[in-house]
Amino acid sequence: QLAFDGIGDDGRPIPGGRYLYKVAATD
């Protein structure tokens, strides 16, 4: 589990709304 803080890659809070998350993993 990850506690996402609501901050985007630009360092600013992302607007409220729906988002999709995906996970990538390599061996």
PDB file of all heavy atoms in Angstrom:
ATOM      1  N   GLN A   1       0.847  -1.189   0.000  1.00  0.00           N
ATOM      2  CA  GLN A   1       0.000   0.000   0.000  1.00  0.00           C
ATOM      3  C   GLN A   1       0.880   1.236   0.000  1.00  0.00           C
ATOM      4  O   GLN A   1       1.895   1.292   0.684  1.00  0.00           O
ATOM      5  CB  GLN A   1      -0.889  -0.012   1.243  1.00  0.00           C
ATOM      6  CG  GLN A   1      -1.802   1.185   1.351  1.00  0.00           C
ATOM      7  CD  GLN A   1      -2.768   1.055   2.512  1.00  0.00           C
ATOM      8  OE1 GLN A   1      -3.445   0.059   2.619  1.00  0.00           O
ATOM      9  NE2 GLN A   1      -2.809   2.061   3.374  1.00  0.00           N
ATOM     10  N   LEU A   2       0.471   2.228  -0.775  1.00  0.00           N
ATOM     11  CA  LEU A   2       1.170   3.500  -0.830  1.00  0.00           C
ATOM     12  C   LEU A   2       0.187   4.591  -0.423  1.00  0.00           C
ATOM     13  O   LEU A   2      -0.945   4.615  -0.904  1.00  0.00           O
ATOM     14  CB  LEU A   2       1.669   3.777  -2.254  1.00  0.00           C
ATOM     15  CG  LEU A   2       2.212   5.178  -2.500  1.00  0.00           C
ATOM     16  CD1 LEU A   2       3.600   5.317  -1.911  1.00  0.00           C
ATOM     17  CD2 LEU A   2       2.217   5.501  -3.973  1.00  0.00           C
ATOM     18  N   ALA A   3       0.599   5.480   0.438  1.00  0.00           N
ATOM     19  CA  ALA A   3      -0.225   6.638   0.809  1.00  0.00           C
ATOM     20  C   ALA A   3       0.133   7.769  -0.146  1.00  0.00           C
ATOM     21  O   ALA A   3       1.146   8.442   0.015  1.00  0.00           O
ATOM     22  CB  ALA A   3       0.033   7.030   2.252  1.00  0.00           C
ATOM     23  N   PHE A   4      -0.712   7.962  -1.172  1.00  0.00           N
ATOM     24  CA  PHE A   4      -0.477   9.009  -2.164  1.00  0.00           C
ATOM     25  C   PHE A   4      -0.861  10.351  -1.563  1.00  0.00           C
ATOM     26  O   PHE A   4      -1.970  10.543  -1.075  1.00  0.00           O
ATOM     27  CB  PHE A   4      -1.275   8.737  -3.432  1.00  0.00           C
ATOM     28  CG  PHE A   4      -1.194   9.827  -4.448  1.00  0.00           C
ATOM     29  CD1 PHE A   4       0.031  10.231  -4.957  1.00  0.00           C
ATOM     30  CD2 PHE A   4      -2.341  10.451  -4.910  1.00  0.00           C
ATOM     31  CE1 PHE A   4       0.110  11.245  -5.895  1.00  0.00           C
ATOM     32  CE2 PHE A   4      -2.275  11.467  -5.850  1.00  0.00           C
ATOM     33  CZ  PHE A   4      -1.048  11.862  -6.342  1.00  0.00           C
ATOM     34  N   ASP A   5       0.065  11.312  -1.630  1.00  0.00           N
ATOM     35  CA  ASP A   5      -0.116  12.610  -0.986  1.00  0.00           C
ATOM     36  C   ASP A   5      -0.868  13.649  -1.827  1.00  0.00           C
ATOM     37  O   ASP A   5      -1.083  14.771  -1.384  1.00  0.00           O
ATOM     38  CB  ASP A   5       1.244  13.176  -0.584  1.00  0.00           C
ATOM     39  CG  ASP A   5       2.197  13.337  -1.766  1.00  0.00           C
ATOM     40  OD1 ASP A   5       1.773  13.145  -2.929  1.00  0.00           O
ATOM     41  OD2 ASP A   5       3.373  13.642  -1.521  1.00  0.00           O
ATOM     42  N   GLY A   6      -1.258  13.277  -3.056  1.00  0.00           N
ATOM     43  CA  GLY A   6      -2.014  14.211  -3.889  1.00  0.00           C
ATOM     44  C   GLY A   6      -1.170  15.221  -4.623  1.00  0.00           C
ATOM     45  O   GLY A   6      -1.689  16.177  -5.194  1.00  0.00           O
ATOM     46  N   ILE A   7       0.149  15.020  -4.625  1.00  0.00           N
ATOM     47  CA  ILE A   7       1.071  15.950  -5.294  1.00  0.00           C
ATOM     48  C   ILE A   7       1.466  15.371  -6.656  1.00  0.00           C
ATOM     49  O   ILE A   7       1.815  14.202  -6.762  1.00  0.00           O
ATOM     50  CB  ILE A   7       2.331  16.191  -4.432  1.00  0.00           C
ATOM     51  CG1 ILE A   7       1.955  16.692  -3.035  1.00  0.00           C
ATOM     52  CG2 ILE A   7       3.293  17.141  -5.129  1.00  0.00           C
ATOM     53  CD1 ILE A   7       1.235  18.022  -3.025  1.00  0.00           C
ATOM     54  N   GLY A   8       1.435  16.204  -7.694  1.00  0.00           N
ATOM     55  CA  GLY A   8       1.829  15.788  -9.034  1.00  0.00           C
ATOM     56  C   GLY A   8       3.329  15.858  -9.230  1.00  0.00           C
ATOM     57  O   GLY A   8       4.077  16.313  -8.350  1.00  0.00           O
ATOM     58  N   ASP A   9       3.786  15.402 -10.403  1.00  0.00           N
ATOM     59  CA  ASP A   9       5.221  15.452 -10.720  1.00  0.00           C
ATOM     60  C   ASP A   9       5.763  16.877 -10.706  1.00  0.00           C
ATOM     61  O   ASP A   9       6.952  17.089 -10.487  1.00  0.00           O
ATOM     62  CB  ASP A   9       5.487  14.824 -12.099  1.00  0.00           C
ATOM     63  CG  ASP A   9       5.533  13.305 -12.050  1.00  0.00           C
ATOM     64  OD1 ASP A   9       5.847  12.740 -10.979  1.00  0.00           O
ATOM     65  OD2 ASP A   9       5.250  12.674 -13.092  1.00  0.00           O
ATOM     66  N   ASP A  10       4.891  17.868 -10.917  1.00  0.00           N
ATOM     67  CA  ASP A  10       5.336  19.258 -10.929  1.00  0.00           C
ATOM     68  C   ASP A  10       5.450  19.851  -9.520  1.00  0.00           C
ATOM     69  O   ASP A  10       5.786  21.028  -9.355  1.00  0.00           O
ATOM     70  CB  ASP A  10       4.401  20.111 -11.792  1.00  0.00           C
ATOM     71  CG  ASP A  10       2.957  20.111 -11.289  1.00  0.00           C
ATOM     72  OD1 ASP A  10       2.662  19.506 -10.231  1.00  0.00           O
ATOM     73  OD2 ASP A  10       2.113  20.706 -11.982  1.00  0.00           O
ATOM     74  N   GLY A  11       5.164  19.052  -8.482  1.00  0.00           N
ATOM     75  CA  GLY A  11       5.283  19.525  -7.103  1.00  0.00           C
ATOM     76  C   GLY A  11       4.055  20.248  -6.578  1.00  0.00           C
ATOM     77  O   GLY A  11       4.041  20.696  -5.434  1.00  0.00           O
ATOM     78  N   ARG A  12       3.010  20.358  -7.402  1.00  0.00           N
ATOM     79  CA  ARG A  12       1.789  21.041  -6.972  1.00  0.00           C
ATOM     80  C   ARG A  12       0.672  20.028  -6.739  1.00  0.00           C
ATOM     81  O   ARG A  12       0.671  18.955  -7.362  1.00  0.00           O
ATOM     82  CB  ARG A  12       1.345  22.050  -8.031  1.00  0.00           C
ATOM     83  CG  ARG A  12       2.377  23.155  -8.222  1.00  0.00           C
ATOM     84  CD  ARG A  12       1.890  24.199  -9.162  1.00  0.00           C
ATOM     85  NE  ARG A  12       1.441  23.586 -10.420  1.00  0.00           N
ATOM     86  CZ  ARG A  12       1.230  24.237 -11.534  1.00  0.00           C
ATOM     87  NH1 ARG A  12       1.424  25.530 -11.586  1.00  0.00           N
ATOM     88  NH2 ARG A  12       0.830  23.622 -12.625  1.00  0.00           N
ATOM     89  N   PRO A  13      -0.281  20.351  -5.878  1.00  0.00           N
ATOM     90  CA  PRO A  13      -1.417  19.445  -5.662  1.00  0.00           C
ATOM     91  C   PRO A  13      -2.210  19.245  -6.954  1.00  0.00           C
ATOM     92  O   PRO A  13      -2.412  20.192  -7.711  1.00  0.00           O
ATOM     93  CB  PRO A  13      -2.272  20.164  -4.613  1.00  0.00           C
ATOM     94  CG  PRO A  13      -1.343  21.129  -3.952  1.00  0.00           C
ATOM     95  CD  PRO A  13      -0.342  21.522  -4.994  1.00  0.00           C
ATOM     96  N   ILE A  14      -2.616  18.012  -7.203  1.00  0.00           N
ATOM     97  CA  ILE A  14      -3.432  17.749  -8.379  1.00  0.00           C
ATOM     98  C   ILE A  14      -4.881  18.130  -8.074  1.00  0.00           C
ATOM     99  O   ILE A  14      -5.299  18.095  -6.915  1.00  0.00           O
ATOM    100  CB  ILE A  14      -3.330  16.274  -8.835  1.00  0.00           C
ATOM    101  CG1 ILE A  14      -3.867  15.318  -7.759  1.00  0.00           C
ATOM    102  CG2 ILE A  14      -1.905  15.919  -9.199  1.00  0.00           C
ATOM    103  CD1 ILE A  14      -3.938  13.866  -8.221  1.00  0.00           C
ATOM    104  N   PRO A  15      -5.634  18.533  -9.089  1.00  0.00           N
ATOM    105  CA  PRO A  15      -7.035  18.899  -8.849  1.00  0.00           C
ATOM    106  C   PRO A  15      -7.839  17.694  -8.359  1.00  0.00           C
ATOM    107  O   PRO A  15      -7.529  16.549  -8.704  1.00  0.00           O
ATOM    108  CB  PRO A  15      -7.534  19.340 -10.227  1.00  0.00           C
ATOM    109  CG  PRO A  15      -6.325  19.568 -11.049  1.00  0.00           C
ATOM    110  CD  PRO A  15      -5.241  18.731 -10.477  1.00  0.00           C
ATOM    111  N   GLY A  16      -8.855  17.944  -7.568  1.00  0.00           N
ATOM    112  CA  GLY A  16      -9.727  16.875  -7.126  1.00  0.00           C
ATOM    113  C   GLY A  16     -10.405  16.220  -8.315  1.00  0.00           C
ATOM    114  O   GLY A  16     -10.643  16.856  -9.335  1.00  0.00           O
ATOM    115  N   GLY A  17     -10.698  14.936  -8.196  1.00  0.00           N
ATOM    116  CA  GLY A  17     -11.358  14.208  -9.273  1.00  0.00           C
ATOM    117  C   GLY A  17     -10.907  12.766  -9.297  1.00  0.00           C
ATOM    118  O   GLY A  17     -10.217  12.279  -8.393  1.00  0.00           O
ATOM    119  N   ARG A  18     -11.278  12.086 -10.372  1.00  0.00           N
ATOM    120  CA  ARG A  18     -10.927  10.676 -10.538  1.00  0.00           C
ATOM    121  C   ARG A  18      -9.630  10.529 -11.316  1.00  0.00           C
ATOM    122  O   ARG A  18      -9.409  11.227 -12.306  1.00  0.00           O
ATOM    123  CB  ARG A  18     -12.034   9.931 -11.264  1.00  0.00           C
ATOM    124  CG  ARG A  18     -13.258   9.714 -10.409  1.00  0.00           C
ATOM    125  CD  ARG A  18     -14.257   8.867 -11.136  1.00  0.00           C
ATOM    126  NE  ARG A  18     -15.336   8.510 -10.232  1.00  0.00           N
ATOM    127  CZ  ARG A  18     -16.405   7.858 -10.592  1.00  0.00           C
ATOM    128  NH1 ARG A  18     -16.558   7.477 -11.840  1.00  0.00           N
ATOM    129  NH2 ARG A  18     -17.342   7.573  -9.713  1.00  0.00           N
ATOM    130  N   TYR A  19      -8.817   9.560 -10.858  1.00  0.00           N
ATOM    131  CA  TYR A  19      -7.544   9.244 -11.487  1.00  0.00           C
ATOM    132  C   TYR A  19      -7.389   7.731 -11.547  1.00  0.00           C
ATOM    133  O   TYR A  19      -8.037   6.997 -10.804  1.00  0.00           O
ATOM    134  CB  TYR A  19      -6.376   9.860 -10.700  1.00  0.00           C
ATOM    135  CG  TYR A  19      -6.379  11.365 -10.738  1.00  0.00           C
ATOM    136  CD1 TYR A  19      -7.121  12.099  -9.814  1.00  0.00           C
ATOM    137  CD2 TYR A  19      -5.676  12.053 -11.715  1.00  0.00           C
ATOM    138  CE1 TYR A  19      -7.146  13.485  -9.868  1.00  0.00           C
ATOM    139  CE2 TYR A  19      -5.700  13.437 -11.772  1.00  0.00           C
ATOM    140  CZ  TYR A  19      -6.435  14.141 -10.844  1.00  0.00           C
ATOM    141  OH  TYR A  19      -6.471  15.513 -10.896  1.00  0.00           O
ATOM    142  N   LEU A  20      -6.502   7.281 -12.416  1.00  0.00           N
ATOM    143  CA  LEU A  20      -6.193   5.865 -12.569  1.00  0.00           C
ATOM    144  C   LEU A  20      -4.769   5.634 -12.119  1.00  0.00           C
ATOM    145  O   LEU A  20      -3.882   6.426 -12.435  1.00  0.00           O
ATOM    146  CB  LEU A  20      -6.329   5.461 -14.043  1.00  0.00           C
ATOM    147  CG  LEU A  20      -5.930   4.032 -14.389  1.00  0.00           C
ATOM    148  CD1 LEU A  20      -7.091   3.082 -14.108  1.00  0.00           C
ATOM    149  CD2 LEU A  20      -5.534   3.926 -15.849  1.00  0.00           C
ATOM    150  N   TYR A  21      -4.542   4.566 -11.358  1.00  0.00           N
ATOM    151  CA  TYR A  21      -3.159   4.213 -11.045  1.00  0.00           C
ATOM    152  C   TYR A  21      -2.854   2.805 -11.512  1.00  0.00           C
ATOM    153  O   TYR A  21      -3.709   1.934 -11.514  1.00  0.00           O
ATOM    154  CB  TYR A  21      -2.840   4.391  -9.556  1.00  0.00           C
ATOM    155  CG  TYR A  21      -3.408   3.364  -8.611  1.00  0.00           C
ATOM    156  CD1 TYR A  21      -2.645   2.277  -8.185  1.00  0.00           C
ATOM    157  CD2 TYR A  21      -4.698   3.485  -8.109  1.00  0.00           C
ATOM    158  CE1 TYR A  21      -3.163   1.347  -7.297  1.00  0.00           C
ATOM    159  CE2 TYR A  21      -5.219   2.574  -7.224  1.00  0.00           C
ATOM    160  CZ  TYR A  21      -4.446   1.497  -6.822  1.00  0.00           C
ATOM    161  OH  TYR A  21      -4.964   0.577  -5.948  1.00  0.00           O
ATOM    162  N   LYS A  22      -1.600   2.611 -11.967  1.00  0.00           N
ATOM    163  CA  LYS A  22      -1.081   1.330 -12.443  1.00  0.00           C
ATOM    164  C   LYS A  22       0.288   1.116 -11.811  1.00  0.00           C
ATOM    165  O   LYS A  22       0.969   2.073 -11.450  1.00  0.00           O
ATOM    166  CB  LYS A  22      -0.891   1.336 -13.960  1.00  0.00           C
ATOM    167  CG  LYS A  22      -2.158   1.465 -14.759  1.00  0.00           C
ATOM    168  CD  LYS A  22      -1.841   1.456 -16.243  1.00  0.00           C
ATOM    169  CE  LYS A  22      -3.088   1.552 -17.077  1.00  0.00           C
ATOM    170  NZ  LYS A  22      -2.798   1.490 -18.507  1.00  0.00           N
ATOM    171  N   VAL A  23       0.681  -0.149 -11.716  1.00  0.00           N
ATOM    172  CA  VAL A  23       1.973  -0.485 -11.134  1.00  0.00           C
ATOM    173  C   VAL A  23       2.803  -1.255 -12.159  1.00  0.00           C
ATOM    174  O   VAL A  23       2.294  -2.155 -12.829  1.00  0.00           O
ATOM    175  CB  VAL A  23       1.795  -1.329  -9.851  1.00  0.00           C
ATOM    176  CG1 VAL A  23       3.137  -1.776  -9.306  1.00  0.00           C
ATOM    177  CG2 VAL A  23       1.026  -0.529  -8.807  1.00  0.00           C
ATOM    178  N   ALA A  24       4.071  -0.880 -12.291  1.00  0.00           N
ATOM    179  CA  ALA A  24       5.013  -1.593 -13.144  1.00  0.00           C
ATOM    180  C   ALA A  24       6.114  -2.165 -12.256  1.00  0.00           C
ATOM    181  O   ALA A  24       6.584  -1.489 -11.340  1.00  0.00           O
ATOM    182  CB  ALA A  24       5.606  -0.652 -14.191  1.00  0.00           C
ATOM    183  N   ALA A  25       6.502  -3.398 -12.528  1.00  0.00           N
ATOM    184  CA  ALA A  25       7.558  -4.041 -11.739  1.00  0.00           C
ATOM    185  C   ALA A  25       8.443  -4.857 -12.664  1.00  0.00           C
ATOM    186  O   ALA A  25       7.972  -5.450 -13.634  1.00  0.00           O
ATOM    187  CB  ALA A  25       6.932  -4.941 -10.672  1.00  0.00           C
ATOM    188  N   THR A  26       9.744  -4.864 -12.362  1.00  0.00           N
ATOM    189  CA  THR A  26      10.689  -5.679 -13.123  1.00  0.00           C
ATOM    190  C   THR A  26      11.451  -6.590 -12.175  1.00  0.00           C
ATOM    191  O   THR A  26      11.675  -6.252 -11.005  1.00  0.00           O
ATOM    192  CB  THR A  26      11.696  -4.810 -13.903  1.00  0.00           C
ATOM    193  OG1 THR A  26      12.366  -3.939 -12.992  1.00  0.00           O
ATOM    194  CG2 THR A  26      10.993  -3.975 -14.959  1.00  0.00           C
ATOM    195  N   ASP A  27      11.838  -7.747 -12.693  1.00  0.00           N
ATOM    196  CA  ASP A  27      12.611  -8.698 -11.893  1.00  0.00           C
ATOM    197  C   ASP A  27      14.094  -8.339 -11.974  1.00  0.00           C
ATOM    198  O   ASP A  27      14.468  -7.399 -12.683  1.00  0.00           O
ATOM    199  CB  ASP A  27      12.326 -10.134 -12.336  1.00  0.00           C
ATOM    200  CG  ASP A  27      12.766 -10.433 -13.769  1.00  0.00           C
ATOM    201  OD1 ASP A  27      13.573  -9.666 -14.345  1.00  0.00           O
ATOM    202  OD2 ASP A  27      12.305 -11.440 -14.315  1.00  0.00           O
TER     203      ASP A  27
END
